[in-house]
């Protein structure tokens, strides 16, 4: 678990989760993704990765989002 929310927010989400089939279906998939990220975070990146990435930042144009994600929809319901 990321523990990215405080106790109150977590409690509100837990209540929401009990009544929302869509969110209940997504939580296991999110946990799997977090587990993969956690494993990847333990690996050591190449030494020059940061320098290479920063040198290319000006060359990459950020595209606008194509759709509003699930999190945005959930936050709008509040």
PDB file of N, CA and C in Angstrom:
ATOM      1  N   UNK A   1       0.850  -1.178   0.000  1.00  0.00           N
ATOM      2  CA  UNK A   1       0.000   0.000   0.000  1.00  0.00           C
ATOM      3  C   UNK A   1       0.892   1.235   0.000  1.00  0.00           C
ATOM      4  N   UNK A   2       0.515   2.235  -0.729  1.00  0.00           N
ATOM      5  CA  UNK A   2       1.303   3.460  -0.831  1.00  0.00           C
ATOM      6  C   UNK A   2       1.204   4.345   0.399  1.00  0.00           C
ATOM      7  N   UNK A   3       0.090   4.282   1.101  1.00  0.00           N
ATOM      8  CA  UNK A   3      -0.153   5.170   2.237  1.00  0.00           C
ATOM      9  C   UNK A   3      -0.045   6.629   1.824  1.00  0.00           C
ATOM     10  N   UNK A   4      -0.621   6.954   0.668  1.00  0.00           N
ATOM     11  CA  UNK A   4      -0.551   8.300   0.116  1.00  0.00           C
ATOM     12  C   UNK A   4      -1.685   9.193   0.613  1.00  0.00           C
ATOM     13  N   UNK A   5      -2.576   8.661   1.414  1.00  0.00           N
ATOM     14  CA  UNK A   5      -3.686   9.451   1.953  1.00  0.00           C
ATOM     15  C   UNK A   5      -3.655   9.390   3.473  1.00  0.00           C
ATOM     16  N   UNK A   6      -4.288  10.382   4.088  1.00  0.00           N
ATOM     17  CA  UNK A   6      -4.322  10.373   5.551  1.00  0.00           C
ATOM     18  C   UNK A   6      -5.419   9.420   6.045  1.00  0.00           C
ATOM     19  N   UNK A   7      -5.513   9.269   7.342  1.00  0.00           N
ATOM     20  CA  UNK A   7      -6.461   8.304   7.921  1.00  0.00           C
ATOM     21  C   UNK A   7      -7.908   8.619   7.549  1.00  0.00           C
ATOM     22  N   UNK A   8      -8.270   9.891   7.540  1.00  0.00           N
ATOM     23  CA  UNK A   8      -9.643  10.283   7.209  1.00  0.00           C
ATOM     24  C   UNK A   8      -9.966   9.936   5.759  1.00  0.00           C
ATOM     25  N   UNK A   9      -9.059  10.279   4.844  1.00  0.00           N
ATOM     26  CA  UNK A   9      -9.288   9.973   3.433  1.00  0.00           C
ATOM     27  C   UNK A   9      -9.359   8.466   3.193  1.00  0.00           C
ATOM     28  N   UNK A  10      -8.506   7.743   3.884  1.00  0.00           N
ATOM     29  CA  UNK A  10      -8.528   6.283   3.731  1.00  0.00           C
ATOM     30  C   UNK A  10      -9.864   5.716   4.216  1.00  0.00           C
ATOM     31  N   UNK A  11     -10.346   6.212   5.349  1.00  0.00           N
ATOM     32  CA  UNK A  11     -11.624   5.745   5.885  1.00  0.00           C
ATOM     33  C   UNK A  11     -12.758   6.058   4.911  1.00  0.00           C
ATOM     34  N   UNK A  12     -12.737   7.265   4.323  1.00  0.00           N
ATOM     35  CA  UNK A  12     -13.768   7.632   3.345  1.00  0.00           C
ATOM     36  C   UNK A  12     -13.706   6.716   2.131  1.00  0.00           C
ATOM     37  N   UNK A  13     -12.498   6.416   1.680  1.00  0.00           N
ATOM     38  CA  UNK A  13     -12.358   5.549   0.519  1.00  0.00           C
ATOM     39  C   UNK A  13     -12.828   4.137   0.842  1.00  0.00           C
ATOM     40  N   UNK A  14     -12.496   3.641   2.026  1.00  0.00           N
ATOM     41  CA  UNK A  14     -12.929   2.295   2.420  1.00  0.00           C
ATOM     42  C   UNK A  14     -14.460   2.205   2.415  1.00  0.00           C
ATOM     43  N   UNK A  15     -15.124   3.248   2.900  1.00  0.00           N
ATOM     44  CA  UNK A  15     -16.586   3.269   2.886  1.00  0.00           C
ATOM     45  C   UNK A  15     -17.082   3.267   1.444  1.00  0.00           C
ATOM     46  N   UNK A  16     -16.474   4.114   0.619  1.00  0.00           N
ATOM     47  CA  UNK A  16     -16.854   4.171  -0.795  1.00  0.00           C
ATOM     48  C   UNK A  16     -16.651   2.812  -1.463  1.00  0.00           C
ATOM     49  N   UNK A  17     -15.542   2.187  -1.150  1.00  0.00           N
ATOM     50  CA  UNK A  17     -15.168   0.927  -1.779  1.00  0.00           C
ATOM     51  C   UNK A  17     -16.198  -0.172  -1.520  1.00  0.00           C
ATOM     52  N   UNK A  18     -16.793  -0.174  -0.338  1.00  0.00           N
ATOM     53  CA  UNK A  18     -17.776  -1.208  -0.010  1.00  0.00           C
ATOM     54  C   UNK A  18     -19.033  -1.110  -0.869  1.00  0.00           C
ATOM     55  N   UNK A  19     -19.313   0.085  -1.399  1.00  0.00           N
ATOM     56  CA  UNK A  19     -20.529   0.258  -2.189  1.00  0.00           C
ATOM     57  C   UNK A  19     -20.295   0.489  -3.667  1.00  0.00           C
ATOM     58  N   UNK A  20     -19.048   0.391  -4.119  1.00  0.00           N
ATOM     59  CA  UNK A  20     -18.762   0.697  -5.515  1.00  0.00           C
ATOM     60  C   UNK A  20     -18.114  -0.505  -6.200  1.00  0.00           C
ATOM     61  N   UNK A  21     -18.867  -1.233  -7.005  1.00  0.00           N
ATOM     62  CA  UNK A  21     -18.309  -2.405  -7.677  1.00  0.00           C
ATOM     63  C   UNK A  21     -17.148  -2.065  -8.615  1.00  0.00           C
ATOM     64  N   UNK A  22     -17.226  -0.919  -9.276  1.00  0.00           N
ATOM     65  CA  UNK A  22     -16.165  -0.553 -10.203  1.00  0.00           C
ATOM     66  C   UNK A  22     -14.837  -0.365  -9.461  1.00  0.00           C
ATOM     67  N   UNK A  23     -14.852   0.393  -8.388  1.00  0.00           N
ATOM     68  CA  UNK A  23     -13.621   0.616  -7.621  1.00  0.00           C
ATOM     69  C   UNK A  23     -13.140  -0.684  -6.989  1.00  0.00           C
ATOM     70  N   UNK A  24     -14.074  -1.473  -6.503  1.00  0.00           N
ATOM     71  CA  UNK A  24     -13.708  -2.762  -5.909  1.00  0.00           C
ATOM     72  C   UNK A  24     -13.006  -3.659  -6.918  1.00  0.00           C
ATOM     73  N   UNK A  25     -13.395  -3.556  -8.178  1.00  0.00           N
ATOM     74  CA  UNK A  25     -12.756  -4.351  -9.229  1.00  0.00           C
ATOM     75  C   UNK A  25     -11.373  -3.818  -9.581  1.00  0.00           C
ATOM     76  N   UNK A  26     -11.172  -2.503  -9.469  1.00  0.00           N
ATOM     77  CA  UNK A  26      -9.891  -1.900  -9.841  1.00  0.00           C
ATOM     78  C   UNK A  26      -8.811  -2.046  -8.776  1.00  0.00           C
ATOM     79  N   UNK A  27      -9.183  -2.103  -7.520  1.00  0.00           N
ATOM     80  CA  UNK A  27      -8.184  -2.119  -6.437  1.00  0.00           C
ATOM     81  C   UNK A  27      -7.176  -3.256  -6.582  1.00  0.00           C
ATOM     82  N   UNK A  28      -7.586  -4.502  -6.847  1.00  0.00           N
ATOM     83  CA  UNK A  28      -6.578  -5.557  -7.000  1.00  0.00           C
ATOM     84  C   UNK A  28      -5.579  -5.274  -8.127  1.00  0.00           C
ATOM     85  N   UNK A  29      -6.050  -4.707  -9.235  1.00  0.00           N
ATOM     86  CA  UNK A  29      -5.144  -4.384 -10.343  1.00  0.00           C
ATOM     87  C   UNK A  29      -4.165  -3.293  -9.930  1.00  0.00           C
ATOM     88  N   UNK A  30      -4.641  -2.287  -9.203  1.00  0.00           N
ATOM     89  CA  UNK A  30      -3.743  -1.229  -8.737  1.00  0.00           C
ATOM     90  C   UNK A  30      -2.686  -1.790  -7.796  1.00  0.00           C
ATOM     91  N   UNK A  31      -3.088  -2.724  -6.950  1.00  0.00           N
ATOM     92  CA  UNK A  31      -2.109  -3.331  -6.031  1.00  0.00           C
ATOM     93  C   UNK A  31      -1.031  -4.077  -6.809  1.00  0.00           C
ATOM     94  N   UNK A  32      -1.426  -4.764  -7.887  1.00  0.00           N
ATOM     95  CA  UNK A  32      -0.443  -5.462  -8.716  1.00  0.00           C
ATOM     96  C   UNK A  32       0.535  -4.475  -9.350  1.00  0.00           C
ATOM     97  N   UNK A  33       0.016  -3.371  -9.850  1.00  0.00           N
ATOM     98  CA  UNK A  33       0.873  -2.352 -10.470  1.00  0.00           C
ATOM     99  C   UNK A  33       1.838  -1.777  -9.440  1.00  0.00           C
ATOM    100  N   UNK A  34       1.343  -1.492  -8.252  1.00  0.00           N
ATOM    101  CA  UNK A  34       2.210  -0.954  -7.199  1.00  0.00           C
ATOM    102  C   UNK A  34       3.305  -1.939  -6.826  1.00  0.00           C
ATOM    103  N   UNK A  35       2.976  -3.212  -6.819  1.00  0.00           N
ATOM    104  CA  UNK A  35       3.986  -4.227  -6.506  1.00  0.00           C
ATOM    105  C   UNK A  35       5.088  -4.240  -7.565  1.00  0.00           C
ATOM    106  N   UNK A  36       4.699  -4.110  -8.830  1.00  0.00           N
ATOM    107  CA  UNK A  36       5.698  -4.060  -9.911  1.00  0.00           C
ATOM    108  C   UNK A  36       6.578  -2.828  -9.752  1.00  0.00           C
ATOM    109  N   UNK A  37       5.969  -1.676  -9.499  1.00  0.00           N
ATOM    110  CA  UNK A  37       6.752  -0.449  -9.305  1.00  0.00           C
ATOM    111  C   UNK A  37       7.696  -0.585  -8.120  1.00  0.00           C
ATOM    112  N   UNK A  38       7.223  -1.181  -7.052  1.00  0.00           N
ATOM    113  CA  UNK A  38       8.072  -1.348  -5.869  1.00  0.00           C
ATOM    114  C   UNK A  38       9.288  -2.200  -6.199  1.00  0.00           C
ATOM    115  N   UNK A  39       9.083  -3.265  -6.952  1.00  0.00           N
ATOM    116  CA  UNK A  39      10.211  -4.110  -7.349  1.00  0.00           C
ATOM    117  C   UNK A  39      11.179  -3.371  -8.252  1.00  0.00           C
ATOM    118  N   UNK A  40      10.652  -2.575  -9.175  1.00  0.00           N
ATOM    119  CA  UNK A  40      11.504  -1.816 -10.085  1.00  0.00           C
ATOM    120  C   UNK A  40      12.280  -0.725  -9.337  1.00  0.00           C
ATOM    121  N   UNK A  41      11.670  -0.158  -8.323  1.00  0.00           N
ATOM    122  CA  UNK A  41      12.333   0.904  -7.558  1.00  0.00           C
ATOM    123  C   UNK A  41      13.568   0.388  -6.840  1.00  0.00           C
ATOM    124  N   UNK A  42      13.623  -0.908  -6.608  1.00  0.00           N
ATOM    125  CA  UNK A  42      14.772  -1.485  -5.922  1.00  0.00           C
ATOM    126  C   UNK A  42      15.970  -1.679  -6.847  1.00  0.00           C
ATOM    127  N   UNK A  43      15.732  -1.686  -8.162  1.00  0.00           N
ATOM    128  CA  UNK A  43      16.843  -1.874  -9.094  1.00  0.00           C
ATOM    129  C   UNK A  43      17.618  -0.568  -9.267  1.00  0.00           C
ATOM    130  N   UNK A  44      18.871  -0.676  -9.587  1.00  0.00           N
ATOM    131  CA  UNK A  44      19.728   0.494  -9.759  1.00  0.00           C
ATOM    132  C   UNK A  44      19.695   0.936 -11.218  1.00  0.00           C
ATOM    133  N   UNK A  45      19.289   2.181 -11.459  1.00  0.00           N
ATOM    134  CA  UNK A  45      19.252   2.669 -12.843  1.00  0.00           C
ATOM    135  C   UNK A  45      20.664   2.958 -13.349  1.00  0.00           C
ATOM    136  N   UNK A  46      20.828   3.046 -14.666  1.00  0.00           N
ATOM    137  CA  UNK A  46      22.142   3.391 -15.208  1.00  0.00           C
ATOM    138  C   UNK A  46      22.615   4.741 -14.655  1.00  0.00           C
ATOM    139  N   UNK A  47      23.884   4.877 -14.451  1.00  0.00           N
ATOM    140  CA  UNK A  47      24.451   6.079 -13.825  1.00  0.00           C
ATOM    141  C   UNK A  47      24.130   7.360 -14.594  1.00  0.00           C
ATOM    142  N   UNK A  48      24.068   7.290 -15.898  1.00  0.00           N
ATOM    143  CA  UNK A  48      23.851   8.504 -16.688  1.00  0.00           C
ATOM    144  C   UNK A  48      22.375   8.760 -17.033  1.00  0.00           C
ATOM    145  N   UNK A  49      21.464   8.001 -16.455  1.00  0.00           N
ATOM    146  CA  UNK A  49      20.049   8.113 -16.801  1.00  0.00           C
ATOM    147  C   UNK A  49      19.498   9.519 -16.553  1.00  0.00           C
ATOM    148  N   UNK A  50      19.728  10.081 -15.393  1.00  0.00           N
ATOM    149  CA  UNK A  50      19.189  11.400 -15.068  1.00  0.00           C
ATOM    150  C   UNK A  50      19.739  12.450 -16.021  1.00  0.00           C
ATOM    151  N   UNK A  51      21.024  12.431 -16.266  1.00  0.00           N
ATOM    152  CA  UNK A  51      21.636  13.414 -17.165  1.00  0.00           C
ATOM    153  C   UNK A  51      21.052  13.302 -18.574  1.00  0.00           C
ATOM    154  N   UNK A  52      20.881  12.067 -19.066  1.00  0.00           N
ATOM    155  CA  UNK A  52      20.322  11.876 -20.408  1.00  0.00           C
ATOM    156  C   UNK A  52      18.876  12.355 -20.472  1.00  0.00           C
ATOM    157  N   UNK A  53      18.100  12.041 -19.450  1.00  0.00           N
ATOM    158  CA  UNK A  53      16.688  12.446 -19.435  1.00  0.00           C
ATOM    159  C   UNK A  53      16.566  13.963 -19.386  1.00  0.00           C
ATOM    160  N   UNK A  54      17.322  14.594 -18.521  1.00  0.00           N
ATOM    161  CA  UNK A  54      17.241  16.047 -18.402  1.00  0.00           C
ATOM    162  C   UNK A  54      17.726  16.754 -19.665  1.00  0.00           C
ATOM    163  N   UNK A  55      18.676  16.165 -20.358  1.00  0.00           N
ATOM    164  CA  UNK A  55      19.173  16.798 -21.575  1.00  0.00           C
ATOM    165  C   UNK A  55      18.134  16.764 -22.700  1.00  0.00           C
ATOM    166  N   UNK A  56      17.150  15.866 -22.604  1.00  0.00           N
ATOM    167  CA  UNK A  56      16.145  15.725 -23.655  1.00  0.00           C
ATOM    168  C   UNK A  56      14.801  16.351 -23.311  1.00  0.00           C
ATOM    169  N   UNK A  57      14.670  16.911 -22.121  1.00  0.00           N
ATOM    170  CA  UNK A  57      13.384  17.458 -21.683  1.00  0.00           C
ATOM    171  C   UNK A  57      12.860  18.506 -22.658  1.00  0.00           C
ATOM    172  N   UNK A  58      13.716  19.371 -23.136  1.00  0.00           N
ATOM    173  CA  UNK A  58      13.278  20.428 -24.051  1.00  0.00           C
ATOM    174  C   UNK A  58      12.845  19.919 -25.410  1.00  0.00           C
ATOM    175  N   UNK A  59      13.206  18.702 -25.755  1.00  0.00           N
ATOM    176  CA  UNK A  59      12.873  18.136 -27.068  1.00  0.00           C
ATOM    177  C   UNK A  59      11.525  17.424 -27.101  1.00  0.00           C
ATOM    178  N   UNK A  60      10.937  17.197 -25.945  1.00  0.00           N
ATOM    179  CA  UNK A  60       9.712  16.404 -25.870  1.00  0.00           C
ATOM    180  C   UNK A  60       8.524  17.317 -25.588  1.00  0.00           C
ATOM    181  N   UNK A  61       7.523  17.238 -26.445  1.00  0.00           N
ATOM    182  CA  UNK A  61       6.308  18.031 -26.279  1.00  0.00           C
ATOM    183  C   UNK A  61       5.271  17.193 -25.541  1.00  0.00           C
ATOM    184  N   UNK A  62       4.744  17.732 -24.474  1.00  0.00           N
ATOM    185  CA  UNK A  62       3.716  17.003 -23.732  1.00  0.00           C
ATOM    186  C   UNK A  62       2.390  17.118 -24.456  1.00  0.00           C
ATOM    187  N   UNK A  63       1.753  15.992 -24.675  1.00  0.00           N
ATOM    188  CA  UNK A  63       0.458  15.994 -25.328  1.00  0.00           C
ATOM    189  C   UNK A  63      -0.644  16.098 -24.289  1.00  0.00           C
ATOM    190  N   UNK A  64      -1.767  16.722 -24.660  1.00  0.00           N
ATOM    191  CA  UNK A  64      -2.875  16.812 -23.709  1.00  0.00           C
ATOM    192  C   UNK A  64      -3.455  15.425 -23.454  1.00  0.00           C
ATOM    193  N   UNK A  65      -4.078  15.223 -22.294  1.00  0.00           N
ATOM    194  CA  UNK A  65      -4.690  13.920 -22.009  1.00  0.00           C
ATOM    195  C   UNK A  65      -5.792  13.611 -23.018  1.00  0.00           C
ATOM    196  N   UNK A  66      -5.896  12.344 -23.385  1.00  0.00           N
ATOM    197  CA  UNK A  66      -6.908  11.935 -24.359  1.00  0.00           C
ATOM    198  C   UNK A  66      -8.246  11.647 -23.698  1.00  0.00           C
ATOM    199  N   UNK A  67      -8.211  11.315 -22.441  1.00  0.00           N
ATOM    200  CA  UNK A  67      -9.449  11.054 -21.714  1.00  0.00           C
ATOM    201  C   UNK A  67      -9.192  11.345 -20.247  1.00  0.00           C
ATOM    202  N   UNK A  68     -10.248  11.554 -19.535  1.00  0.00           N
ATOM    203  CA  UNK A  68     -10.127  11.788 -18.104  1.00  0.00           C
ATOM    204  C   UNK A  68     -10.119  10.451 -17.405  1.00  0.00           C
ATOM    205  N   UNK A  69      -9.139  10.242 -16.568  1.00  0.00           N
ATOM    206  CA  UNK A  69      -8.966   8.963 -15.906  1.00  0.00           C
ATOM    207  C   UNK A  69      -9.957   8.707 -14.786  1.00  0.00           C
ATOM    208  N   UNK A  70      -9.897   7.512 -14.284  1.00  0.00           N
ATOM    209  CA  UNK A  70     -10.787   7.059 -13.216  1.00  0.00           C
ATOM    210  C   UNK A  70     -10.644   7.935 -11.973  1.00  0.00           C
ATOM    211  N   UNK A  71      -9.418   8.257 -11.596  1.00  0.00           N
ATOM    212  CA  UNK A  71      -9.215   9.065 -10.390  1.00  0.00           C
ATOM    213  C   UNK A  71      -9.909  10.409 -10.523  1.00  0.00           C
ATOM    214  N   UNK A  72      -9.788  11.056 -11.686  1.00  0.00           N
ATOM    215  CA  UNK A  72     -10.431  12.336 -11.898  1.00  0.00           C
ATOM    216  C   UNK A  72     -11.944  12.213 -11.741  1.00  0.00           C
ATOM    217  N   UNK A  73     -12.520  11.150 -12.294  1.00  0.00           N
ATOM    218  CA  UNK A  73     -13.955  10.941 -12.195  1.00  0.00           C
ATOM    219  C   UNK A  73     -14.384  10.742 -10.751  1.00  0.00           C
ATOM    220  N   UNK A  74     -13.580  10.006 -10.001  1.00  0.00           N
ATOM    221  CA  UNK A  74     -13.914   9.781  -8.594  1.00  0.00           C
ATOM    222  C   UNK A  74     -13.842  11.068  -7.808  1.00  0.00           C
ATOM    223  N   UNK A  75     -12.841  11.884  -8.085  1.00  0.00           N
ATOM    224  CA  UNK A  75     -12.695  13.142  -7.354  1.00  0.00           C
ATOM    225  C   UNK A  75     -13.816  14.126  -7.701  1.00  0.00           C
ATOM    226  N   UNK A  76     -14.308  14.075  -8.924  1.00  0.00           N
ATOM    227  CA  UNK A  76     -15.390  14.975  -9.325  1.00  0.00           C
ATOM    228  C   UNK A  76     -16.690  14.648  -8.622  1.00  0.00           C
ATOM    229  N   UNK A  77     -16.856  13.375  -8.227  1.00  0.00           N
ATOM    230  CA  UNK A  77     -18.097  12.965  -7.554  1.00  0.00           C
ATOM    231  C   UNK A  77     -18.231  13.586  -6.175  1.00  0.00           C
ATOM    232  N   UNK A  78     -17.137  13.989  -5.589  1.00  0.00           N
ATOM    233  CA  UNK A  78     -17.150  14.522  -4.211  1.00  0.00           C
ATOM    234  C   UNK A  78     -17.843  15.812  -4.167  1.00  0.00           C
TER     235      UNK A  78
END
